[in-house]
Amino acid sequence: MRIFTGRAASGKTEQILSEIAAACTGPGRQLLIVPELFSHEYERRLARATANHGARTAEVLSFTRLAVRVFAEAGGLAETVLTPAGRLLTLREAVRRVHTSLEACAGALERPELLRETLTAIDEFKTCYVAPEDLLRAASDAGAGAALSKKLKELALIYAAYDKLCGETLPDPRDRLSLLAARLPGCALLEGTRVYIDCFASFTPQEMEVIRVMAENGVDLTVSVLSDFGEGQEEVFVSGCKTVKRLRKMAARRGAPCEIVDFGAPKCEKPHDLAVLERSALLPVRESTSSDGESVQIFEGASPYEECEHAAAFIRRTVRTEGARWRDFAVAARSMDAYAAPLQMAMARYDIPVFLAEKADLLAKPALALVTGALDACAGFWRYEDLFACFKTGLCGLAPGEVDRLENYVLTWRIRGGAWEQDWTGHPAGYGAPFDDAARAELDGLNQLRARAIAPFAAFREALKAAETAGACVQALYGFLEGMGVPQALEDRAARHEQAGRLQLAEEYRQLWEILLSALEQFYWTAAERPMRGGEFAQLLPLVLGEYDVGTIPVSLDRVSCGEIDRVCTGTSVPYLIVLGANDGLLPKTPDACGLLSDADRETLEGIGVELSASGAERLLMEQETLYHALACPRRRLVLSYAAHDAAGKEARPSYIIGTVRRLLEGVPVSGGQGQAMLDRLEGERPAVELAASYLCGSRAPAVEAAYRKYQDDERLLAARNGRLSRGPLTDPRTIDGLYGSAVNLTASRVDRFYSCRFSFFMQYGLRAKPRREARFSAPETGTFIHYVLENCLKELEAAPGGAGKADAKTVRRVLRGVVQRYIEEELGGLMDKSARFRALFGRLAASMETILESVLEEIRVSDFQPIDYELDFSRSGDLPPVTAKEDGVSVTLSGKVDRVDGYIKNGRLYVRVMDYKSGKKSFSLSDIWYGLNMQLIIYLHALREKGLGRYQERLGEVLDEIVPAGVLYVPARDELPDAERAVTAAELDLLRSKALRRSGLLSDDMDVLEAMEHGLSGTAKFIPVTVKLPKKGEECPTLGSRSSVAGLARFGQLARHTRKKLLEMGQELRRGSCIADPYRQGQKDFCQWCDFRAACRFDESAGDRKRSLRTVKDAEFWEWVEADG
């Protein structure tokens, strides 16, 4: 036996490849055994070393592939062995058989995660040549504590039962190397064969046994081990030095010669800083030296995302300035959990081809997500999360738009359980929306979608319910997947990815069905007749599937290699290495828990002669070796990167190695911060364009100006970016027509939305985007209910003898109860299917309507103004034509409804006031009208004056000369307890409640008209917003107080002109394509706080976005300004 020792790049592997190449022309064979992970890389290196002439006499194998070759010749382990699924299921059956004897491990049958830990323990026992009998002896030894003794006995029982079952069914692949060692003597495959073993950090007891048998049977054996026995170095090369000692001890026991060939230090030329790090960084005593300022760099990112962006920019910059190839780079982290996704995104943004060597999360792949989701959906009786996890895989025969429609309805009405198997009856928009033909058609379409979507799942659920064995469960699932066309769908996806050049993804998709089929076959063959219900099957199958890996190889050689340090940096070198996540706890990595046997258990077992794998303390020492691989891997440059905060925003500390490098290499370059991030973005086209666009938002940083100079004339790229940043304007007239029509059609709510924020208007009324909301009786639905009740109650009471004003309390209550019941039946579809909470809240609201209705009736009783219209519709098919305005080629049409119109006739004139019920606390404001908000009442009042004469002559049977504006009022339609002190009296409380129900608005300043609105005006009116001063000595008539909200006819005319002007301005802006984000802020009101489209808008004042600050306009200022406007 020869043992090659030495540090990384000392020439060990090159010597092995050279010897194999030299022997290729001879009669013997050469085998090179390497870890499975590196077999592809070593095949390439061997082919290069032998100039592609070594295929007949030289071969790269792993220990597992060597076993297959030996068994093919000498017999032994069957070619068919248990798959990962079969192993887990066999173990479960073993636990079931000995379940009555278990206590500490009894949970393995009910808790799938404990089952997996038990299998891991058995794997460790097999790897370490520990048999069930060894565990029983250890359990009976006086040195084992009571708890450990019980645990070892139970593990021995399970282990023995598992081995017995494997003998009855299929062999365990973990026994391969043990059987290989038994079959090697006399095997012709190794006669005259020279065996080289390279790239192993250490050997398991099973692998050591194979090496021992080879050596004892005269195989010419060379083992290469990364190690250095120099002063202080054994702490760095813990595994390697330990392995060399074990090999020498093995040789000494059989009296065989063992030649140690020490290759010493690295042979390749490296820059100063890299050589210093490889030689000294991990030693306990280090001497500082000056950095060369080039070959080692440190980067501090704000987050893992910024680290990945910097890595991509570094690669781009180096390729541009030094002529490097993609394959010259590797990006590594100790764990890729926090880095895989942001790294892939960053590389894509910078157009860098990568190969990410990581273990994929199989259960997140569409086919397996469908399987686990379907099982969970059946077990959970159609939970929303489970069903839509299936629908969104794209494998259920539903288009994305169909899934969205279903999801919107399901979230609106909280559809669960049996509701999926019944016709849905709720309005697609929730409570309060009219059930017109369009709504019924949409509901019919949704029910068809529902039936199509749930049918295969319902059939699968019934099949699972009927299944009593594991085999029946497997058949039910297989039938479900075949019925959904999953195999063909996966093949189609693989083909599409292949055509698009995404070869790695295509290969993954092709493996998914094979993996799933393999798992189901093992389930069937190992447990077909065993009792199992659907719920247990649903728990176990995801655990089984989690045991599989998707393996892919690089689809081209010229790619950046990315992955974990022990996969990317072991046994190889690259010109440039970027190490991400050099943070405390990540590099070196804090060892994971030891499983069922703690470190203390392992120490106890070692003391009584049962040696298992490394303890947590030993694994922490071995992390030094992993760190050494990272420091030794680069040949030209190393970038050590760490994050100031983790992905969740929590503060993170740099690893000790960062401090070590800074002390060892004085003056080593350290970069980071916003300035570096901007410079990095210059390296990629897309990031640079984004940076250039921030110039338009006011940034004048040097990197921004540089990007802008480069891309300012690139109309296609910059226009697209500017359009997204500034949110418009829309420039294509066809797009504008498609969104808004050739004539601008408005409603009051649309006008309010536009003048609140144009981008919000664009989202809601241009793109017709809608937020997802549950159907609940919130403010909009409450308002709809109150409007319905007031309108219908007043209509019925008006038709009664004496009219609404003469109705007694009994009649009012009877009519109110009837209207509420009608609403329940017509609009809510009854209360039987509603929750107890809903019924209680609705009952409380319905009870409050009596107070609200009484307030409205009381006002009618003391007024000459009487209701003459309810829900007056201004539209092309309504009671009156819509409001129109036209100027400079822009035509605006406003449609809508007025809650109530009250009228009073005097001297042939019809005085009208427009009433609007408000369940909230909105009040009339001239300041709002100045800014284009809440203008609808003024607009409709003016429209009545212009277009209502004919209608009311006919309805009232009167000859009328004209219609005169009498005013507009918001009517509080709420019954709430006002804020008051605890000691408030009943009279004071009534006064406060009455004040809360006082109307808000703007009325005519004609005292006769005001007296007609509320008889006996004196002081502060009870209902209308005026105060009246009694006449003083010498005065004949009372006068209006300064707090009265009144205006003359001329000012009502000015209001009409102002609102018309704002409508036309809106129409002109829409025709220009304006959709900027310009939300208003007024005092404590901030439109962005309750906007539904914040996620789409991404309003950012730091990027140049600005809010409109609306100061409150005083009434005197308002009238001055509108008068100046003409």
Foldseek 3Di string as FASTA:
>chain_A
DEEEEAAPQLCPVVVVLLVLLVCQVDDAAEEEEEAPLCQVVVVVVSCVSNVNSRPVRYHYYYLLVVLVVLCVQQNDADPDAFDLLLLLVLLLVLCVVCLVVADPLNCVNVAVVSSVLLSVVLLQCLLQVHALVNLQVLLPDPLDDPVSSRVSPSSSSSSVSSCVLCVVAHHHSSCSLVRSLVRPAPRPVQVRYAYEYDQDLAGTPSRVSNVLSCVVNPRNYYYYYYADPDPQGCLLSVRRVVRVVVVVVSCVVVVHDYHYHYSYHNDDDFDPLLSQCLVALPGPDADADAFPQFFEEEEAEQELLLLLLLVLLVVLVCCVPPVDFQLLEAEAFQACPQPPVSNVVNCVLQVAFEDEPDFDQLCLQLVNLLVLLLLCCLVQQRQPVSLLSNVVSVLQPDDPVLSVLLNLQCLQAVDGHPSLVDQDDAFSVFFLDDCDPVRVVSSVVNRVSSCSRCVLSVQLSVQLQPDFWLQSNLVSSVVSSVVSVVVVVLQVVLVVCVVVVVNQVSQQSNCSVVLVVSSSVSSCSSTVGPTDGSNSSSSSSVSSSSSDGRDDDDPDSRHHYYYHLSSPQGPAAHAEYEYEAQFPCGQLHQDDAPRPAALVNQVSSVVVPRHTDDHSVVVSSNSSNSVSSLSNHHRRHYYYYHHQAYPVRHGTGGHVSVVSSCRRHPPHHYDYDPVVSLVSLCSGDSSLLLLCLLVVLPDDPPSNVVSVVVCVPVCVSNVVNNCQQQVDQDADLVLLCQQQNLAHEAEQVLLQQCLQWQQLSCVCRRVVDDDRDYNACDFVSLQSLLLQLLLQLQVVQQPDPPHLLPDDLVSSVVSLVVSNVVCQCPRVVHCPPPDPVRVVVVVVSSVFQSVLNVVVSVLCNQAQWDWLDAFAWADPPGPHDFDWDDDPSHIYTYIGTFGTKTWHDDPQEIEIETEAEDQDQDADALLQVLSRHPLVRLQVLVVCQVIVQVVCCVSVVHRHDGYAYFWYKYFYRYQDFDDDDPPDDPVRRVVVRLVSRAIHTEGAQPVVSVCNSGPPAAAQDSHYFWGWAQDDVPDDGIHTDPRRRYDHRVVSVLSNVSNSVSSVVVRVCSSNRDRGTAGEDEVPDTPLVPRPCCVSSVADVVSNHDYHYRYRDDPVNSSVVSVVVD
